[in-house]
Amino acid sequence: MKGEKIMVKEILLLGNTQLYEISKEVQKGENLTELIQNLRDTLLDYRKKYHTGRAIAAPQIGVKKRVIYFYTDKEIVFINPILTFSNNEKMEILDDCMSFPNLLVKVMRYKKCTITYMTPEWKQQKMELEGDLSELLQHEYDHLDGILATMKAIDNKSFYFKK
């Protein structure tokens, strides 16, 4: 937006102990305006540099709040999300992460998930996702619990460098 200050934050990288901490729930009435702008600007900056990136979790910029910023065809902010799975059907994928931009990790993720969350206006929403969007939300949700894709690798041969 014109005249709006860009607020790009440093993305914490693999090995930073803050990435392994569990985030706290957002309390109703907390002002998240700056955090949401930080997440948006940081994601868009990352996209410019790496030509990839669809979502970012607050812990990746050092904020221990249960907030995920998601930008595919539209912007969605998930506050205090809860993931559930309707079945055990999984898929094997190569997972990447802004916290380790040159590494891919082979992991198993659920094919479908349901996410229940609060919006910035504090309205409860529910969304069902499948395929790559399900995988993406599971990845970001893990960040809220201090879990990285490297910790979910299928085996010790599941790591690949990006070219």
Protein backbone atom coordinates (compact mmCIF):
# COMPACT_ATOMS: atom_id res chain seq x y z
CA MET A 1 0.00 0.00 0.00
CA LYS A 2 1.24 3.45 -0.85
CA GLY A 3 3.01 5.21 2.01
CA GLU A 4 2.97 2.07 4.16
CA LYS A 5 6.28 1.28 5.81
CA ILE A 6 7.73 -2.08 4.73
CA MET A 7 8.57 -4.22 7.75
CA VAL A 8 10.73 -7.17 6.66
CA LYS A 9 12.03 -9.25 9.56
CA GLU A 10 14.92 -11.69 9.69
CA ILE A 11 13.84 -15.30 9.22
CA LEU A 12 15.36 -17.56 11.87
CA LEU A 13 17.47 -20.30 10.33
CA LEU A 14 17.80 -24.01 11.08
CA GLY A 15 19.78 -24.45 14.29
CA ASN A 16 18.36 -21.35 16.00
CA THR A 17 17.02 -22.66 19.32
CA GLN A 18 14.02 -20.27 19.20
CA LEU A 19 12.58 -22.38 16.36
CA TYR A 20 12.15 -25.31 18.78
CA GLU A 21 10.03 -23.42 21.32
CA ILE A 22 6.26 -23.84 21.62
CA SER A 23 4.26 -20.72 20.81
CA LYS A 24 1.64 -19.20 23.10
CA GLU A 25 -2.00 -18.64 22.21
CA VAL A 26 -3.07 -15.16 21.20
CA GLN A 27 -5.43 -13.55 23.71
CA LYS A 28 -8.59 -11.85 22.50
CA GLY A 29 -7.95 -8.13 22.13
CA GLU A 30 -4.22 -8.43 21.44
CA ASN A 31 -3.14 -6.05 18.69
CA LEU A 32 -1.69 -8.15 15.87
CA THR A 33 -1.57 -5.42 13.18
CA GLU A 34 2.20 -5.02 13.26
CA LEU A 35 2.85 -8.78 13.46
CA ILE A 36 0.59 -9.46 10.46
CA GLN A 37 2.33 -6.72 8.46
CA ASN A 38 5.74 -8.13 9.47
CA LEU A 39 4.69 -11.61 8.33
CA ARG A 40 3.27 -10.28 5.04
CA ASP A 41 6.30 -8.14 4.22
CA THR A 42 8.77 -10.87 5.19
CA LEU A 43 6.96 -13.46 3.05
CA LEU A 44 6.78 -11.12 0.04
CA ASP A 45 10.48 -10.24 0.42
CA TYR A 46 11.35 -13.96 0.57
CA ARG A 47 9.30 -14.57 -2.58
CA LYS A 48 11.21 -11.82 -4.38
CA LYS A 49 14.56 -13.42 -3.45
CA TYR A 50 13.75 -17.14 -3.82
CA HIS A 51 10.67 -17.19 -6.13
CA THR A 52 8.85 -19.45 -3.70
CA GLY A 53 6.93 -19.13 -0.41
CA ARG A 54 3.22 -19.32 0.33
CA ALA A 55 3.03 -19.10 4.11
CA ILE A 56 5.02 -18.17 7.19
CA ALA A 57 4.50 -18.81 10.91
CA ALA A 58 5.18 -16.15 13.55
CA PRO A 59 7.91 -18.23 15.27
CA GLN A 60 9.99 -18.03 12.09
CA ILE A 61 10.50 -14.31 12.76
CA GLY A 62 11.05 -14.84 16.48
CA VAL A 63 7.49 -14.14 17.68
CA LYS A 64 6.17 -16.93 19.91
CA LYS A 65 2.50 -16.49 19.00
CA ARG A 66 0.16 -19.03 17.39
CA VAL A 67 -0.25 -17.07 14.15
CA ILE A 68 0.18 -18.26 10.56
CA TYR A 69 0.15 -15.91 7.59
CA PHE A 70 -0.96 -17.66 4.41
CA TYR A 71 -0.87 -16.10 0.95
CA THR A 72 -1.78 -18.13 -2.12
CA ASP A 73 -4.62 -16.67 -4.16
CA LYS A 74 -5.70 -14.55 -1.18
CA GLU A 75 -4.41 -13.54 2.23
CA ILE A 76 -5.56 -15.59 5.23
CA VAL A 77 -4.39 -15.09 8.81
CA PHE A 78 -4.86 -18.09 11.09
CA ILE A 79 -4.91 -17.18 14.78
CA ASN A 80 -4.79 -19.98 17.38
CA PRO A 81 -5.34 -22.65 14.71
CA ILE A 82 -6.33 -26.21 15.56
CA LEU A 83 -5.70 -28.96 13.01
CA THR A 84 -7.71 -32.16 12.80
CA PHE A 85 -7.56 -35.07 10.37
CA SER A 86 -10.61 -36.99 9.14
CA ASN A 87 -8.64 -40.05 8.07
CA ASN A 88 -5.14 -41.51 8.16
CA GLU A 89 -4.43 -41.23 4.43
CA LYS A 90 -0.95 -39.76 3.97
CA MET A 91 1.32 -38.68 1.15
CA GLU A 92 5.08 -38.55 0.80
CA ILE A 93 6.37 -35.10 -0.15
CA LEU A 94 9.57 -33.11 -0.39
CA ASP A 95 9.14 -30.34 2.16
CA ASP A 96 10.98 -27.03 2.00
CA CYS A 97 11.13 -24.20 4.49
CA MET A 98 12.14 -20.55 4.68
CA SER A 99 14.24 -21.46 7.72
CA PHE A 100 16.39 -23.74 5.52
CA PRO A 101 16.00 -22.30 2.01
CA ASN A 102 18.39 -24.65 0.19
CA LEU A 103 17.25 -27.93 1.71
CA LEU A 104 14.42 -30.34 0.89
CA VAL A 105 13.26 -32.98 3.37
CA LYS A 106 11.20 -36.06 2.50
CA VAL A 107 8.32 -36.33 5.01
CA MET A 108 4.87 -37.90 5.30
CA ARG A 109 1.88 -35.57 5.64
CA TYR A 110 -1.86 -36.12 5.81
CA LYS A 111 -3.62 -35.71 2.46
CA LYS A 112 -6.54 -33.84 4.06
CA CYS A 113 -6.93 -31.67 7.12
CA THR A 114 -9.44 -29.37 8.73
CA ILE A 115 -8.27 -26.18 10.36
CA THR A 116 -10.36 -24.25 12.89
CA TYR A 117 -9.04 -20.78 13.69
CA MET A 118 -9.82 -17.20 14.67
CA THR A 119 -9.58 -14.34 12.17
CA PRO A 120 -7.94 -11.00 13.05
CA GLU A 121 -11.52 -9.75 13.65
CA TRP A 122 -11.82 -12.59 16.20
CA LYS A 123 -14.38 -14.62 14.24
CA GLN A 124 -14.11 -18.40 14.33
CA GLN A 125 -13.66 -20.05 10.93
CA LYS A 126 -13.23 -23.58 9.67
CA MET A 127 -11.58 -24.66 6.43
CA GLU A 128 -10.94 -28.03 4.83
CA LEU A 129 -7.76 -28.43 2.83
CA GLU A 130 -6.27 -31.21 0.78
CA GLY A 131 -3.16 -31.96 -1.23
CA ASP A 132 -0.46 -29.29 -1.29
CA LEU A 133 -2.48 -26.81 0.79
CA SER A 134 -3.06 -29.45 3.47
CA GLU A 135 0.67 -30.18 3.50
CA LEU A 136 1.49 -26.47 3.67
CA LEU A 137 -0.78 -25.85 6.67
CA GLN A 138 0.61 -28.88 8.50
CA HIS A 139 4.14 -27.59 7.93
CA GLU A 140 3.31 -24.11 9.29
CA TYR A 141 1.29 -25.54 12.18
CA ASP A 142 4.32 -27.62 13.21
CA HIS A 143 6.31 -24.38 13.55
CA LEU A 144 3.85 -23.27 16.25
CA ASP A 145 4.80 -26.37 18.25
CA GLY A 146 8.55 -25.99 17.70
CA ILE A 147 8.68 -28.82 15.16
CA LEU A 148 10.67 -28.54 11.93
CA ALA A 149 10.39 -30.74 8.84
CA THR A 150 13.93 -31.96 9.55
CA MET A 151 12.53 -33.60 12.69
CA LYS A 152 9.89 -35.45 10.64
CA ALA A 153 12.21 -36.83 7.96
CA ILE A 154 11.20 -40.31 6.81
CA ASP A 155 14.73 -41.58 7.44
CA ASN A 156 18.33 -40.39 7.53
CA LYS A 157 18.52 -40.42 3.72
CA SER A 158 15.61 -37.99 3.26
CA PHE A 159 17.61 -34.77 2.80
CA TYR A 160 18.34 -33.09 -0.52
CA PHE A 161 20.02 -29.81 -1.49
CA LYS A 162 18.10 -27.57 -3.89
CA LYS A 163 19.94 -26.66 -7.08
